[in-house]
Amino acid sequence: MWGGPDTLYVSLRNPYDRIGDKVYSRIYEFDDFSAFNLQWQTPTQLTIKYGECNASYVDDDQTNAQENKVLQKEANWGGIAIQYVDAKYKARR
């Protein structure tokens, strides 16, 4: 990307807080966010569905791993259970 890698993140907050806490963040080098989805199963269960970047037309596992690096992944936050689901979707340049 032009200014370096982009970071995609999900933040949760209580209604009385101005700023939330990051519960999920990762490097994601594309503008195609169609595989990402948040879904509340119940008031205390959140599912985060995510996709992957495919860094190049020639598969390079090391480059792909860097461009899909997960920086933070919380399983629980404030009594909320967070489940992560791989959408099995790969964006391409």
PDB file of N, CA and C in Angstrom:
ATOM      1  N   MET A   1       0.844  -1.163   0.000  1.00  0.00           N
ATOM      2  CA  MET A   1       0.000   0.000   0.000  1.00  0.00           C
ATOM      3  C   MET A   1       0.896   1.234   0.000  1.00  0.00           C
ATOM      4  N   TRP A   2       0.335   2.355  -0.290  1.00  0.00           N
ATOM      5  CA  TRP A   2       1.132   3.565  -0.464  1.00  0.00           C
ATOM      6  C   TRP A   2       1.856   3.990   0.797  1.00  0.00           C
ATOM      7  N   GLY A   3       1.225   4.007   1.908  1.00  0.00           N
ATOM      8  CA  GLY A   3       1.857   4.490   3.129  1.00  0.00           C
ATOM      9  C   GLY A   3       2.304   3.374   4.042  1.00  0.00           C
ATOM     10  N   GLY A   4       2.396   2.182   3.551  1.00  0.00           N
ATOM     11  CA  GLY A   4       2.714   1.038   4.386  1.00  0.00           C
ATOM     12  C   GLY A   4       1.467   0.209   4.598  1.00  0.00           C
ATOM     13  N   PRO A   5       1.579  -0.832   5.384  1.00  0.00           N
ATOM     14  CA  PRO A   5       0.445  -1.737   5.563  1.00  0.00           C
ATOM     15  C   PRO A   5      -0.713  -1.086   6.312  1.00  0.00           C
ATOM     16  N   ASP A   6      -1.919  -1.528   5.996  1.00  0.00           N
ATOM     17  CA  ASP A   6      -3.118  -1.098   6.703  1.00  0.00           C
ATOM     18  C   ASP A   6      -3.363  -2.035   7.871  1.00  0.00           C
ATOM     19  N   THR A   7      -3.997  -1.524   8.898  1.00  0.00           N
ATOM     20  CA  THR A   7      -4.387  -2.358  10.029  1.00  0.00           C
ATOM     21  C   THR A   7      -5.902  -2.333  10.148  1.00  0.00           C
ATOM     22  N   LEU A   8      -6.487  -3.502  10.132  1.00  0.00           N
ATOM     23  CA  LEU A   8      -7.921  -3.674  10.327  1.00  0.00           C
ATOM     24  C   LEU A   8      -8.120  -4.021  11.802  1.00  0.00           C
ATOM     25  N   TYR A   9      -9.082  -3.387  12.449  1.00  0.00           N
ATOM     26  CA  TYR A   9      -9.305  -3.744  13.843  1.00  0.00           C
ATOM     27  C   TYR A   9     -10.779  -3.658  14.220  1.00  0.00           C
ATOM     28  N   VAL A  10     -11.113  -4.388  15.290  1.00  0.00           N
ATOM     29  CA  VAL A  10     -12.443  -4.366  15.885  1.00  0.00           C
ATOM     30  C   VAL A  10     -12.266  -3.866  17.310  1.00  0.00           C
ATOM     31  N   SER A  11     -13.080  -2.893  17.676  1.00  0.00           N
ATOM     32  CA  SER A  11     -13.009  -2.296  19.001  1.00  0.00           C
ATOM     33  C   SER A  11     -14.385  -2.391  19.656  1.00  0.00           C
ATOM     34  N   LEU A  12     -14.405  -2.740  20.934  1.00  0.00           N
ATOM     35  CA  LEU A  12     -15.647  -2.794  21.710  1.00  0.00           C
ATOM     36  C   LEU A  12     -15.559  -1.796  22.857  1.00  0.00           C
ATOM     37  N   ARG A  13     -16.710  -1.237  23.217  1.00  0.00           N
ATOM     38  CA  ARG A  13     -16.739  -0.319  24.356  1.00  0.00           C
ATOM     39  C   ARG A  13     -18.073  -0.421  25.066  1.00  0.00           C
ATOM     40  N   ASN A  14     -18.050  -0.057  26.324  1.00  0.00           N
ATOM     41  CA  ASN A  14     -19.271   0.074  27.102  1.00  0.00           C
ATOM     42  C   ASN A  14     -19.960   1.372  26.690  1.00  0.00           C
ATOM     43  N   PRO A  15     -21.283   1.462  26.851  1.00  0.00           N
ATOM     44  CA  PRO A  15     -22.003   2.673  26.433  1.00  0.00           C
ATOM     45  C   PRO A  15     -21.513   3.951  27.112  1.00  0.00           C
ATOM     46  N   TYR A  16     -20.989   3.850  28.308  1.00  0.00           N
ATOM     47  CA  TYR A  16     -20.544   5.032  29.044  1.00  0.00           C
ATOM     48  C   TYR A  16     -19.077   5.393  28.773  1.00  0.00           C
ATOM     49  N   ASP A  17     -18.362   4.581  27.994  1.00  0.00           N
ATOM     50  CA  ASP A  17     -16.972   4.866  27.647  1.00  0.00           C
ATOM     51  C   ASP A  17     -16.890   5.611  26.320  1.00  0.00           C
ATOM     52  N   ARG A  18     -15.965   6.545  26.221  1.00  0.00           N
ATOM     53  CA  ARG A  18     -15.774   7.275  24.964  1.00  0.00           C
ATOM     54  C   ARG A  18     -14.923   6.483  23.975  1.00  0.00           C
ATOM     55  N   ILE A  19     -13.966   5.741  24.487  1.00  0.00           N
ATOM     56  CA  ILE A  19     -13.041   4.996  23.639  1.00  0.00           C
ATOM     57  C   ILE A  19     -13.153   3.514  23.970  1.00  0.00           C
ATOM     58  N   GLY A  20     -13.111   2.685  22.940  1.00  0.00           N
ATOM     59  CA  GLY A  20     -13.220   1.251  23.145  1.00  0.00           C
ATOM     60  C   GLY A  20     -11.869   0.568  23.268  1.00  0.00           C
ATOM     61  N   ASP A  21     -11.917  -0.721  23.495  1.00  0.00           N
ATOM     62  CA  ASP A  21     -10.724  -1.566  23.575  1.00  0.00           C
ATOM     63  C   ASP A  21     -10.651  -2.410  22.313  1.00  0.00           C
ATOM     64  N   LYS A  22      -9.475  -2.487  21.729  1.00  0.00           N
ATOM     65  CA  LYS A  22      -9.294  -3.341  20.557  1.00  0.00           C
ATOM     66  C   LYS A  22      -9.332  -4.795  21.002  1.00  0.00           C
ATOM     67  N   VAL A  23     -10.168  -5.580  20.332  1.00  0.00           N
ATOM     68  CA  VAL A  23     -10.237  -7.011  20.631  1.00  0.00           C
ATOM     69  C   VAL A  23      -9.665  -7.842  19.486  1.00  0.00           C
ATOM     70  N   TYR A  24      -9.484  -7.202  18.333  1.00  0.00           N
ATOM     71  CA  TYR A  24      -8.936  -7.912  17.176  1.00  0.00           C
ATOM     72  C   TYR A  24      -8.238  -6.886  16.290  1.00  0.00           C
ATOM     73  N   SER A  25      -7.022  -7.172  15.908  1.00  0.00           N
ATOM     74  CA  SER A  25      -6.343  -6.318  14.938  1.00  0.00           C
ATOM     75  C   SER A  25      -5.369  -7.163  14.127  1.00  0.00           C
ATOM     76  N   ARG A  26      -5.225  -6.762  12.875  1.00  0.00           N
ATOM     77  CA  ARG A  26      -4.339  -7.488  11.968  1.00  0.00           C
ATOM     78  C   ARG A  26      -3.915  -6.580  10.834  1.00  0.00           C
ATOM     79  N   ILE A  27      -2.839  -6.956  10.210  1.00  0.00           N
ATOM     80  CA  ILE A  27      -2.385  -6.268   9.009  1.00  0.00           C
ATOM     81  C   ILE A  27      -3.200  -6.835   7.854  1.00  0.00           C
ATOM     82  N   TYR A  28      -3.713  -5.972   7.024  1.00  0.00           N
ATOM     83  CA  TYR A  28      -4.525  -6.406   5.885  1.00  0.00           C
ATOM     84  C   TYR A  28      -4.233  -5.447   4.735  1.00  0.00           C
ATOM     85  N   GLU A  29      -3.613  -5.949   3.672  1.00  0.00           N
ATOM     86  CA  GLU A  29      -3.058  -5.115   2.609  1.00  0.00           C
ATOM     87  C   GLU A  29      -4.025  -4.771   1.475  1.00  0.00           C
ATOM     88  N   PHE A  30      -5.314  -5.014   1.636  1.00  0.00           N
ATOM     89  CA  PHE A  30      -6.248  -4.820   0.528  1.00  0.00           C
ATOM     90  C   PHE A  30      -7.405  -3.918   0.904  1.00  0.00           C
ATOM     91  N   ASP A  31      -8.102  -3.431  -0.109  1.00  0.00           N
ATOM     92  CA  ASP A  31      -9.316  -2.642   0.102  1.00  0.00           C
ATOM     93  C   ASP A  31     -10.569  -3.515   0.052  1.00  0.00           C
ATOM     94  N   ASP A  32     -10.420  -4.795  -0.183  1.00  0.00           N
ATOM     95  CA  ASP A  32     -11.549  -5.719  -0.284  1.00  0.00           C
ATOM     96  C   ASP A  32     -11.852  -6.292   1.098  1.00  0.00           C
ATOM     97  N   PHE A  33     -12.846  -5.733   1.765  1.00  0.00           N
ATOM     98  CA  PHE A  33     -13.220  -6.184   3.105  1.00  0.00           C
ATOM     99  C   PHE A  33     -14.486  -7.036   3.081  1.00  0.00           C
ATOM    100  N   SER A  34     -14.873  -7.552   1.922  1.00  0.00           N
ATOM    101  CA  SER A  34     -16.138  -8.262   1.789  1.00  0.00           C
ATOM    102  C   SER A  34     -16.220  -9.533   2.646  1.00  0.00           C
ATOM    103  N   ALA A  35     -15.095 -10.114   3.016  1.00  0.00           N
ATOM    104  CA  ALA A  35     -15.128 -11.326   3.835  1.00  0.00           C
ATOM    105  C   ALA A  35     -15.264 -11.019   5.320  1.00  0.00           C
ATOM    106  N   PHE A  36     -15.078  -9.760   5.712  1.00  0.00           N
ATOM    107  CA  PHE A  36     -15.142  -9.407   7.127  1.00  0.00           C
ATOM    108  C   PHE A  36     -16.579  -9.099   7.533  1.00  0.00           C
ATOM    109  N   ASN A  37     -16.958  -9.659   8.685  1.00  0.00           N
ATOM    110  CA  ASN A  37     -18.327  -9.517   9.143  1.00  0.00           C
ATOM    111  C   ASN A  37     -18.362  -9.669  10.663  1.00  0.00           C
ATOM    112  N   LEU A  38     -19.167  -8.864  11.303  1.00  0.00           N
ATOM    113  CA  LEU A  38     -19.416  -8.989  12.742  1.00  0.00           C
ATOM    114  C   LEU A  38     -20.858  -9.405  12.930  1.00  0.00           C
ATOM    115  N   GLN A  39     -21.084 -10.384  13.793  1.00  0.00           N
ATOM    116  CA  GLN A  39     -22.451 -10.821  14.038  1.00  0.00           C
ATOM    117  C   GLN A  39     -22.620 -11.150  15.520  1.00  0.00           C
ATOM    118  N   TRP A  40     -23.607 -10.495  16.126  1.00  0.00           N
ATOM    119  CA  TRP A  40     -23.940 -10.791  17.518  1.00  0.00           C
ATOM    120  C   TRP A  40     -24.877 -11.986  17.533  1.00  0.00           C
ATOM    121  N   GLN A  41     -24.434 -13.107  18.104  1.00  0.00           N
ATOM    122  CA  GLN A  41     -25.254 -14.315  18.228  1.00  0.00           C
ATOM    123  C   GLN A  41     -26.267 -14.129  19.365  1.00  0.00           C
ATOM    124  N   THR A  42     -25.781 -13.577  20.479  1.00  0.00           N
ATOM    125  CA  THR A  42     -26.581 -13.219  21.649  1.00  0.00           C
ATOM    126  C   THR A  42     -25.947 -11.937  22.197  1.00  0.00           C
ATOM    127  N   PRO A  43     -26.539 -11.317  23.216  1.00  0.00           N
ATOM    128  CA  PRO A  43     -25.911 -10.117  23.783  1.00  0.00           C
ATOM    129  C   PRO A  43     -24.519 -10.353  24.382  1.00  0.00           C
ATOM    130  N   THR A  44     -24.147 -11.612  24.607  1.00  0.00           N
ATOM    131  CA  THR A  44     -22.834 -11.905  25.186  1.00  0.00           C
ATOM    132  C   THR A  44     -21.962 -12.782  24.295  1.00  0.00           C
ATOM    133  N   GLN A  45     -22.359 -12.957  23.035  1.00  0.00           N
ATOM    134  CA  GLN A  45     -21.578 -13.776  22.098  1.00  0.00           C
ATOM    135  C   GLN A  45     -21.441 -13.052  20.768  1.00  0.00           C
ATOM    136  N   LEU A  46     -20.193 -12.764  20.394  1.00  0.00           N
ATOM    137  CA  LEU A  46     -19.880 -12.066  19.152  1.00  0.00           C
ATOM    138  C   LEU A  46     -19.061 -12.983  18.256  1.00  0.00           C
ATOM    139  N   THR A  47     -19.428 -13.035  16.972  1.00  0.00           N
ATOM    140  CA  THR A  47     -18.655 -13.774  15.982  1.00  0.00           C
ATOM    141  C   THR A  47     -18.016 -12.781  15.021  1.00  0.00           C
ATOM    142  N   ILE A  48     -16.709 -12.918  14.846  1.00  0.00           N
ATOM    143  CA  ILE A  48     -15.966 -12.105  13.892  1.00  0.00           C
ATOM    144  C   ILE A  48     -15.513 -13.026  12.768  1.00  0.00           C
ATOM    145  N   LYS A  49     -16.014 -12.753  11.581  1.00  0.00           N
ATOM    146  CA  LYS A  49     -15.661 -13.533  10.391  1.00  0.00           C
ATOM    147  C   LYS A  49     -14.612 -12.733   9.617  1.00  0.00           C
ATOM    148  N   TYR A  50     -13.564 -13.394   9.173  1.00  0.00           N
ATOM    149  CA  TYR A  50     -12.463 -12.677   8.529  1.00  0.00           C
ATOM    150  C   TYR A  50     -11.995 -13.389   7.260  1.00  0.00           C
ATOM    151  N   GLY A  51     -11.350 -12.634   6.399  1.00  0.00           N
ATOM    152  CA  GLY A  51     -10.748 -13.166   5.182  1.00  0.00           C
ATOM    153  C   GLY A  51      -9.243 -13.006   5.227  1.00  0.00           C
ATOM    154  N   GLU A  52      -8.604 -13.354   4.143  1.00  0.00           N
ATOM    155  CA  GLU A  52      -7.149 -13.285   4.034  1.00  0.00           C
ATOM    156  C   GLU A  52      -6.763 -12.501   2.790  1.00  0.00           C
ATOM    157  N   CYS A  53      -5.554 -11.984   2.803  1.00  0.00           N
ATOM    158  CA  CYS A  53      -4.951 -11.416   1.594  1.00  0.00           C
ATOM    159  C   CYS A  53      -4.191 -12.522   0.880  1.00  0.00           C
ATOM    160  N   ASN A  54      -4.207 -12.494  -0.410  1.00  0.00           N
ATOM    161  CA  ASN A  54      -3.296 -13.313  -1.178  1.00  0.00           C
ATOM    162  C   ASN A  54      -2.349 -12.318  -1.816  1.00  0.00           C
ATOM    163  N   ALA A  55      -1.165 -12.207  -1.262  1.00  0.00           N
ATOM    164  CA  ALA A  55      -0.258 -11.097  -1.551  1.00  0.00           C
ATOM    165  C   ALA A  55       0.087 -10.936  -3.024  1.00  0.00           C
ATOM    166  N   SER A  56       0.183 -12.010  -3.737  1.00  0.00           N
ATOM    167  CA  SER A  56       0.589 -11.887  -5.130  1.00  0.00           C
ATOM    168  C   SER A  56      -0.063 -12.979  -5.959  1.00  0.00           C
ATOM    169  N   TYR A  57       0.061 -12.840  -7.256  1.00  0.00           N
ATOM    170  CA  TYR A  57      -0.482 -13.866  -8.145  1.00  0.00           C
ATOM    171  C   TYR A  57       0.345 -15.142  -8.069  1.00  0.00           C
ATOM    172  N   VAL A  58       1.575 -15.016  -7.667  1.00  0.00           N
ATOM    173  CA  VAL A  58       2.424 -16.177  -7.412  1.00  0.00           C
ATOM    174  C   VAL A  58       2.408 -16.379  -5.899  1.00  0.00           C
ATOM    175  N   ASP A  59       1.893 -17.513  -5.452  1.00  0.00           N
ATOM    176  CA  ASP A  59       1.773 -17.748  -4.015  1.00  0.00           C
ATOM    177  C   ASP A  59       3.139 -17.757  -3.355  1.00  0.00           C
ATOM    178  N   ASP A  60       3.300 -16.929  -2.366  1.00  0.00           N
ATOM    179  CA  ASP A  60       4.514 -16.835  -1.574  1.00  0.00           C
ATOM    180  C   ASP A  60       4.074 -16.859  -0.119  1.00  0.00           C
ATOM    181  N   ASP A  61       4.190 -18.010   0.531  1.00  0.00           N
ATOM    182  CA  ASP A  61       3.668 -18.182   1.888  1.00  0.00           C
ATOM    183  C   ASP A  61       4.267 -17.193   2.881  1.00  0.00           C
ATOM    184  N   GLN A  62       5.547 -16.875   2.754  1.00  0.00           N
ATOM    185  CA  GLN A  62       6.185 -15.948   3.695  1.00  0.00           C
ATOM    186  C   GLN A  62       5.614 -14.539   3.542  1.00  0.00           C
ATOM    187  N   THR A  63       5.456 -14.066   2.303  1.00  0.00           N
ATOM    188  CA  THR A  63       4.882 -12.741   2.073  1.00  0.00           C
ATOM    189  C   THR A  63       3.432 -12.710   2.516  1.00  0.00           C
ATOM    190  N   ASN A  64       2.662 -13.738   2.182  1.00  0.00           N
ATOM    191  CA  ASN A  64       1.257 -13.796   2.587  1.00  0.00           C
ATOM    192  C   ASN A  64       1.127 -13.770   4.110  1.00  0.00           C
ATOM    193  N   ALA A  65       1.992 -14.464   4.817  1.00  0.00           N
ATOM    194  CA  ALA A  65       1.932 -14.492   6.283  1.00  0.00           C
ATOM    195  C   ALA A  65       2.179 -13.102   6.853  1.00  0.00           C
ATOM    196  N   GLN A  66       3.121 -12.347   6.279  1.00  0.00           N
ATOM    197  CA  GLN A  66       3.390 -10.987   6.756  1.00  0.00           C
ATOM    198  C   GLN A  66       2.211 -10.066   6.484  1.00  0.00           C
ATOM    199  N   GLU A  67       1.548 -10.232   5.346  1.00  0.00           N
ATOM    200  CA  GLU A  67       0.443  -9.355   4.982  1.00  0.00           C
ATOM    201  C   GLU A  67      -0.879  -9.786   5.607  1.00  0.00           C
ATOM    202  N   ASN A  68      -0.870 -10.836   6.395  1.00  0.00           N
ATOM    203  CA  ASN A  68      -2.056 -11.307   7.113  1.00  0.00           C
ATOM    204  C   ASN A  68      -1.764 -11.471   8.607  1.00  0.00           C
ATOM    205  N   LYS A  69      -0.738 -10.795   9.095  1.00  0.00           N
ATOM    206  CA  LYS A  69      -0.295 -10.980  10.472  1.00  0.00           C
ATOM    207  C   LYS A  69      -1.351 -10.480  11.462  1.00  0.00           C
ATOM    208  N   VAL A  70      -1.752 -11.367  12.370  1.00  0.00           N
ATOM    209  CA  VAL A  70      -2.694 -11.005  13.431  1.00  0.00           C
ATOM    210  C   VAL A  70      -1.890 -10.387  14.564  1.00  0.00           C
ATOM    211  N   LEU A  71      -2.259  -9.177  14.962  1.00  0.00           N
ATOM    212  CA  LEU A  71      -1.552  -8.463  16.014  1.00  0.00           C
ATOM    213  C   LEU A  71      -2.194  -8.684  17.375  1.00  0.00           C
ATOM    214  N   GLN A  72      -3.510  -8.828  17.395  1.00  0.00           N
ATOM    215  CA  GLN A  72      -4.238  -9.004  18.654  1.00  0.00           C
ATOM    216  C   GLN A  72      -5.505  -9.802  18.394  1.00  0.00           C
ATOM    217  N   LYS A  73      -5.809 -10.737  19.293  1.00  0.00           N
ATOM    218  CA  LYS A  73      -6.985 -11.581  19.132  1.00  0.00           C
ATOM    219  C   LYS A  73      -7.457 -12.008  20.527  1.00  0.00           C
ATOM    220  N   GLU A  74      -8.469 -11.329  21.029  1.00  0.00           N
ATOM    221  CA  GLU A  74      -8.993 -11.609  22.368  1.00  0.00           C
ATOM    222  C   GLU A  74     -10.154 -12.600  22.271  1.00  0.00           C
ATOM    223  N   ALA A  75     -10.217 -13.549  23.200  1.00  0.00           N
ATOM    224  CA  ALA A  75     -11.304 -14.526  23.224  1.00  0.00           C
ATOM    225  C   ALA A  75     -12.481 -14.044  24.063  1.00  0.00           C
ATOM    226  N   ASN A  76     -12.214 -13.131  24.992  1.00  0.00           N
ATOM    227  CA  ASN A  76     -13.245 -12.602  25.873  1.00  0.00           C
ATOM    228  C   ASN A  76     -12.992 -11.122  26.113  1.00  0.00           C
ATOM    229  N   TRP A  77     -14.077 -10.391  26.283  1.00  0.00           N
ATOM    230  CA  TRP A  77     -13.979  -8.974  26.647  1.00  0.00           C
ATOM    231  C   TRP A  77     -15.218  -8.598  27.444  1.00  0.00           C
ATOM    232  N   GLY A  78     -15.034  -8.136  28.658  1.00  0.00           N
ATOM    233  CA  GLY A  78     -16.134  -7.642  29.476  1.00  0.00           C
ATOM    234  C   GLY A  78     -17.335  -8.563  29.551  1.00  0.00           C
ATOM    235  N   GLY A  79     -17.106  -9.864  29.669  1.00  0.00           N
ATOM    236  CA  GLY A  79     -18.208 -10.822  29.737  1.00  0.00           C
ATOM    237  C   GLY A  79     -18.738 -11.254  28.381  1.00  0.00           C
ATOM    238  N   ILE A  80     -18.100 -10.804  27.310  1.00  0.00           N
ATOM    239  CA  ILE A  80     -18.515 -11.180  25.957  1.00  0.00           C
ATOM    240  C   ILE A  80     -17.538 -12.214  25.408  1.00  0.00           C
ATOM    241  N   ALA A  81     -18.067 -13.356  24.968  1.00  0.00           N
ATOM    242  CA  ALA A  81     -17.260 -14.391  24.335  1.00  0.00           C
ATOM    243  C   ALA A  81     -17.134 -14.062  22.846  1.00  0.00           C
ATOM    244  N   ILE A  82     -15.899 -14.083  22.338  1.00  0.00           N
ATOM    245  CA  ILE A  82     -15.650 -13.737  20.940  1.00  0.00           C
ATOM    246  C   ILE A  82     -15.161 -14.973  20.201  1.00  0.00           C
ATOM    247  N   GLN A  83     -15.858 -15.299  19.132  1.00  0.00           N
ATOM    248  CA  GLN A  83     -15.498 -16.444  18.287  1.00  0.00           C
ATOM    249  C   GLN A  83     -14.994 -15.901  16.952  1.00  0.00           C
ATOM    250  N   TYR A  84     -13.918 -16.480  16.438  1.00  0.00           N
ATOM    251  CA  TYR A  84     -13.340 -16.075  15.155  1.00  0.00           C
ATOM    252  C   TYR A  84     -13.551 -17.181  14.132  1.00  0.00           C
ATOM    253  N   VAL A  85     -14.056 -16.803  12.951  1.00  0.00           N
ATOM    254  CA  VAL A  85     -14.364 -17.778  11.910  1.00  0.00           C
ATOM    255  C   VAL A  85     -13.647 -17.372  10.627  1.00  0.00           C
ATOM    256  N   ASP A  86     -12.861 -18.279  10.078  1.00  0.00           N
ATOM    257  CA  ASP A  86     -12.180 -18.046   8.805  1.00  0.00           C
ATOM    258  C   ASP A  86     -13.193 -18.197   7.679  1.00  0.00           C
ATOM    259  N   ALA A  87     -13.390 -17.141   6.888  1.00  0.00           N
ATOM    260  CA  ALA A  87     -14.355 -17.156   5.786  1.00  0.00           C
ATOM    261  C   ALA A  87     -13.851 -17.952   4.590  1.00  0.00           C
ATOM    262  N   LYS A  88     -12.583 -18.380   4.628  1.00  0.00           N
ATOM    263  CA  LYS A  88     -11.968 -19.124   3.514  1.00  0.00           C
ATOM    264  C   LYS A  88     -12.002 -18.293   2.227  1.00  0.00           C
ATOM    265  N   TYR A  89     -11.877 -16.974   2.393  1.00  0.00           N
ATOM    266  CA  TYR A  89     -11.897 -16.059   1.258  1.00  0.00           C
ATOM    267  C   TYR A  89     -10.535 -15.385   1.169  1.00  0.00           C
ATOM    268  N   LYS A  90      -9.978 -15.346  -0.037  1.00  0.00           N
ATOM    269  CA  LYS A  90      -8.692 -14.688  -0.250  1.00  0.00           C
ATOM    270  C   LYS A  90      -8.849 -13.604  -1.289  1.00  0.00           C
ATOM    271  N   ALA A  91      -8.618 -12.369  -0.863  1.00  0.00           N
ATOM    272  CA  ALA A  91      -8.609 -11.243  -1.800  1.00  0.00           C
ATOM    273  C   ALA A  91      -7.305 -11.292  -2.594  1.00  0.00           C
ATOM    274  N   ARG A  92      -7.369 -10.838  -3.822  1.00  0.00           N
ATOM    275  CA  ARG A  92      -6.164 -10.775  -4.664  1.00  0.00           C
ATOM    276  C   ARG A  92      -5.957  -9.356  -5.134  1.00  0.00           C
ATOM    277  N   ARG A  93      -4.706  -9.028  -5.397  1.00  0.00           N
ATOM    278  CA  ARG A  93      -4.391  -7.708  -5.975  1.00  0.00           C
ATOM    279  C   ARG A  93      -4.843  -7.661  -7.400  1.00  0.00           C
TER     280      ARG A  93
END
